[in-house]
């Protein structure tokens, strides 16, 4: 398992947790805030690089939406 695989697994677990929230706006913000608050800057940088790459189909759509909407918070 590569570091990217671990970050993707973690992000998808966060996405799964927040997916159950009825308010999608709140869920997207929650995903981004969790990553910002609990991930080391190097982890965020590596994850964002993977998101920006050509192969990010392994990331849950809700996580990709959260990243797209709250990118400035994570940079």
N, C-alpha and C. Protein backbone atom coordinates (compact mmCIF):
# COMPACT_ATOMS: atom_id res chain seq x y z
N UNK A 1 0.85 -1.18 0.00
CA UNK A 1 0.00 0.00 0.00
C UNK A 1 0.89 1.25 0.00
N UNK A 2 0.64 2.15 -0.92
CA UNK A 2 1.43 3.38 -1.03
C UNK A 2 0.87 4.44 -0.09
N UNK A 3 1.66 5.48 0.17
CA UNK A 3 1.12 6.59 0.99
C UNK A 3 -0.15 7.18 0.38
N UNK A 4 -0.18 7.29 -0.97
CA UNK A 4 -1.39 7.80 -1.62
C UNK A 4 -2.59 6.90 -1.33
N UNK A 5 -2.39 5.59 -1.37
CA UNK A 5 -3.48 4.65 -1.08
C UNK A 5 -4.02 4.87 0.33
N UNK A 6 -3.12 5.09 1.27
CA UNK A 6 -3.53 5.31 2.66
C UNK A 6 -4.34 6.60 2.78
N UNK A 7 -3.88 7.67 2.14
CA UNK A 7 -4.60 8.94 2.18
C UNK A 7 -5.96 8.82 1.52
N UNK A 8 -6.03 8.11 0.41
CA UNK A 8 -7.31 7.92 -0.28
C UNK A 8 -8.27 7.13 0.60
N UNK A 9 -7.77 6.07 1.22
CA UNK A 9 -8.61 5.27 2.12
C UNK A 9 -9.13 6.14 3.26
N UNK A 10 -8.25 6.94 3.85
CA UNK A 10 -8.66 7.81 4.95
C UNK A 10 -9.70 8.84 4.50
N UNK A 11 -9.45 9.46 3.35
CA UNK A 11 -10.39 10.47 2.83
C UNK A 11 -11.75 9.83 2.53
N UNK A 12 -11.74 8.64 1.97
CA UNK A 12 -13.00 7.97 1.67
C UNK A 12 -13.74 7.58 2.94
N UNK A 13 -13.02 7.22 4.00
CA UNK A 13 -13.68 6.94 5.29
C UNK A 13 -14.33 8.19 5.85
N UNK A 14 -13.65 9.31 5.74
CA UNK A 14 -14.22 10.59 6.17
C UNK A 14 -15.47 10.88 5.35
N UNK A 15 -15.36 10.69 4.04
CA UNK A 15 -16.51 10.90 3.15
C UNK A 15 -17.69 10.02 3.51
N UNK A 16 -17.43 8.77 3.83
CA UNK A 16 -18.50 7.84 4.22
C UNK A 16 -19.22 8.33 5.47
N UNK A 17 -18.46 8.82 6.43
CA UNK A 17 -19.06 9.33 7.66
C UNK A 17 -19.97 10.53 7.35
N UNK A 18 -19.46 11.49 6.60
CA UNK A 18 -20.22 12.72 6.35
C UNK A 18 -21.33 12.53 5.31
N UNK A 19 -21.26 11.48 4.51
CA UNK A 19 -22.28 11.20 3.50
C UNK A 19 -23.66 11.02 4.11
N UNK A 20 -23.71 10.55 5.34
CA UNK A 20 -25.00 10.28 5.98
C UNK A 20 -25.70 11.55 6.47
N UNK A 21 -25.02 12.67 6.42
CA UNK A 21 -25.62 13.92 6.88
C UNK A 21 -26.68 14.38 5.88
N UNK A 22 -27.82 14.82 6.37
CA UNK A 22 -28.88 15.26 5.45
C UNK A 22 -28.55 16.57 4.73
N UNK A 23 -27.75 17.43 5.34
CA UNK A 23 -27.39 18.71 4.74
C UNK A 23 -26.07 18.55 3.99
N UNK A 24 -26.14 18.49 2.66
CA UNK A 24 -24.94 18.25 1.85
C UNK A 24 -23.92 19.37 1.99
N UNK A 25 -24.37 20.61 2.09
CA UNK A 25 -23.45 21.73 2.26
C UNK A 25 -22.65 21.58 3.55
N UNK A 26 -23.34 21.21 4.60
CA UNK A 26 -22.68 20.99 5.88
C UNK A 26 -21.71 19.80 5.80
N UNK A 27 -22.11 18.75 5.08
CA UNK A 27 -21.26 17.57 4.92
C UNK A 27 -19.97 17.92 4.18
N UNK A 28 -20.08 18.67 3.10
CA UNK A 28 -18.89 19.05 2.33
C UNK A 28 -17.94 19.89 3.17
N UNK A 29 -18.51 20.83 3.91
CA UNK A 29 -17.69 21.64 4.81
C UNK A 29 -17.05 20.81 5.90
N UNK A 30 -17.79 19.84 6.41
CA UNK A 30 -17.26 18.96 7.45
C UNK A 30 -16.09 18.13 6.97
N UNK A 31 -16.17 17.63 5.76
CA UNK A 31 -15.07 16.85 5.18
C UNK A 31 -13.82 17.72 5.09
N UNK A 32 -13.97 18.90 4.51
CA UNK A 32 -12.82 19.79 4.34
C UNK A 32 -12.24 20.21 5.69
N UNK A 33 -13.09 20.54 6.64
CA UNK A 33 -12.61 20.96 7.95
C UNK A 33 -11.88 19.83 8.66
N UNK A 34 -12.40 18.63 8.53
CA UNK A 34 -11.74 17.48 9.17
C UNK A 34 -10.34 17.29 8.58
N UNK A 35 -10.24 17.33 7.27
CA UNK A 35 -8.93 17.17 6.63
C UNK A 35 -8.00 18.30 7.04
N UNK A 36 -8.49 19.51 7.08
CA UNK A 36 -7.68 20.67 7.48
C UNK A 36 -7.21 20.54 8.94
N UNK A 37 -8.11 20.15 9.82
CA UNK A 37 -7.80 20.12 11.25
C UNK A 37 -6.96 18.93 11.70
N UNK A 38 -7.09 17.81 11.01
CA UNK A 38 -6.46 16.59 11.51
C UNK A 38 -5.36 16.01 10.62
N UNK A 39 -5.19 16.55 9.44
CA UNK A 39 -4.14 16.06 8.55
C UNK A 39 -2.96 17.02 8.55
N UNK A 40 -1.79 16.47 8.63
CA UNK A 40 -0.54 17.22 8.51
C UNK A 40 -0.51 17.91 7.14
N UNK A 41 0.10 19.10 7.05
CA UNK A 41 0.17 19.80 5.75
C UNK A 41 0.78 18.95 4.63
N UNK A 42 1.74 18.09 4.97
CA UNK A 42 2.32 17.22 3.93
C UNK A 42 1.30 16.21 3.42
N UNK A 43 0.45 15.73 4.31
CA UNK A 43 -0.60 14.80 3.90
C UNK A 43 -1.59 15.50 2.97
N UNK A 44 -1.99 16.72 3.35
CA UNK A 44 -2.93 17.48 2.51
C UNK A 44 -2.32 17.75 1.14
N UNK A 45 -1.05 18.13 1.11
CA UNK A 45 -0.38 18.43 -0.16
C UNK A 45 -0.33 17.19 -1.06
N UNK A 46 0.02 16.05 -0.49
CA UNK A 46 0.09 14.81 -1.27
C UNK A 46 -1.30 14.41 -1.78
N UNK A 47 -2.31 14.57 -0.93
CA UNK A 47 -3.66 14.21 -1.33
C UNK A 47 -4.16 15.12 -2.44
N UNK A 48 -3.93 16.42 -2.30
CA UNK A 48 -4.37 17.36 -3.33
C UNK A 48 -3.65 17.11 -4.65
N UNK A 49 -2.40 16.71 -4.60
CA UNK A 49 -1.67 16.37 -5.82
C UNK A 49 -2.33 15.17 -6.50
N UNK A 50 -2.77 14.20 -5.71
CA UNK A 50 -3.45 13.04 -6.29
C UNK A 50 -4.80 13.46 -6.90
N UNK A 51 -5.52 14.32 -6.20
CA UNK A 51 -6.81 14.81 -6.70
C UNK A 51 -6.60 15.53 -8.03
N UNK A 52 -5.52 16.29 -8.15
CA UNK A 52 -5.24 17.05 -9.37
C UNK A 52 -4.71 16.19 -10.51
N UNK A 53 -4.31 14.96 -10.19
CA UNK A 53 -3.76 14.07 -11.20
C UNK A 53 -4.84 13.48 -12.10
N UNK A 54 -4.40 12.71 -13.08
CA UNK A 54 -5.36 12.17 -14.05
C UNK A 54 -6.19 11.00 -13.52
N UNK A 55 -5.75 10.37 -12.45
CA UNK A 55 -6.43 9.17 -11.95
C UNK A 55 -6.92 9.37 -10.52
N UNK A 56 -8.09 9.96 -10.40
CA UNK A 56 -8.65 10.15 -9.06
C UNK A 56 -10.02 9.50 -8.93
N UNK A 57 -10.31 8.54 -9.81
CA UNK A 57 -11.60 7.85 -9.77
C UNK A 57 -11.75 6.97 -8.52
N UNK A 58 -10.66 6.78 -7.79
CA UNK A 58 -10.70 5.98 -6.58
C UNK A 58 -11.15 6.79 -5.36
N UNK A 59 -11.41 8.06 -5.55
CA UNK A 59 -11.86 8.93 -4.46
C UNK A 59 -13.38 9.11 -4.57
N UNK A 60 -14.05 8.99 -3.45
CA UNK A 60 -15.51 9.12 -3.43
C UNK A 60 -15.93 10.48 -3.99
N UNK A 61 -17.02 10.52 -4.76
CA UNK A 61 -17.49 11.79 -5.33
C UNK A 61 -17.74 12.88 -4.29
N UNK A 62 -18.25 12.51 -3.11
CA UNK A 62 -18.51 13.53 -2.09
C UNK A 62 -17.20 14.17 -1.61
N UNK A 63 -16.13 13.40 -1.55
CA UNK A 63 -14.83 13.94 -1.15
C UNK A 63 -14.30 14.88 -2.23
N UNK A 64 -14.43 14.47 -3.48
CA UNK A 64 -13.99 15.35 -4.58
C UNK A 64 -14.78 16.65 -4.59
N UNK A 65 -16.07 16.57 -4.32
CA UNK A 65 -16.90 17.79 -4.25
C UNK A 65 -16.46 18.69 -3.11
N UNK A 66 -16.16 18.09 -1.97
CA UNK A 66 -15.70 18.87 -0.81
C UNK A 66 -14.38 19.57 -1.12
N UNK A 67 -13.48 18.85 -1.78
CA UNK A 67 -12.18 19.44 -2.14
C UNK A 67 -12.39 20.58 -3.13
N UNK A 68 -13.22 20.36 -4.13
CA UNK A 68 -13.46 21.40 -5.14
C UNK A 68 -14.07 22.66 -4.52
N UNK A 69 -15.01 22.46 -3.62
CA UNK A 69 -15.71 23.60 -3.03
C UNK A 69 -14.90 24.34 -1.96
N UNK A 70 -14.02 23.62 -1.27
CA UNK A 70 -13.29 24.20 -0.15
C UNK A 70 -11.78 24.14 -0.34
N UNK A 71 -11.34 24.20 -1.56
CA UNK A 71 -9.91 24.04 -1.87
C UNK A 71 -9.04 25.08 -1.13
N UNK A 72 -9.51 26.31 -1.07
CA UNK A 72 -8.73 27.37 -0.42
C UNK A 72 -8.46 27.06 1.05
N UNK A 73 -9.37 26.41 1.72
CA UNK A 73 -9.20 26.05 3.12
C UNK A 73 -8.07 25.04 3.30
N UNK A 74 -7.86 24.19 2.30
CA UNK A 74 -6.92 23.09 2.43
C UNK A 74 -5.51 23.42 1.98
N UNK A 75 -5.34 24.47 1.21
CA UNK A 75 -4.03 24.79 0.65
C UNK A 75 -3.08 25.33 1.62
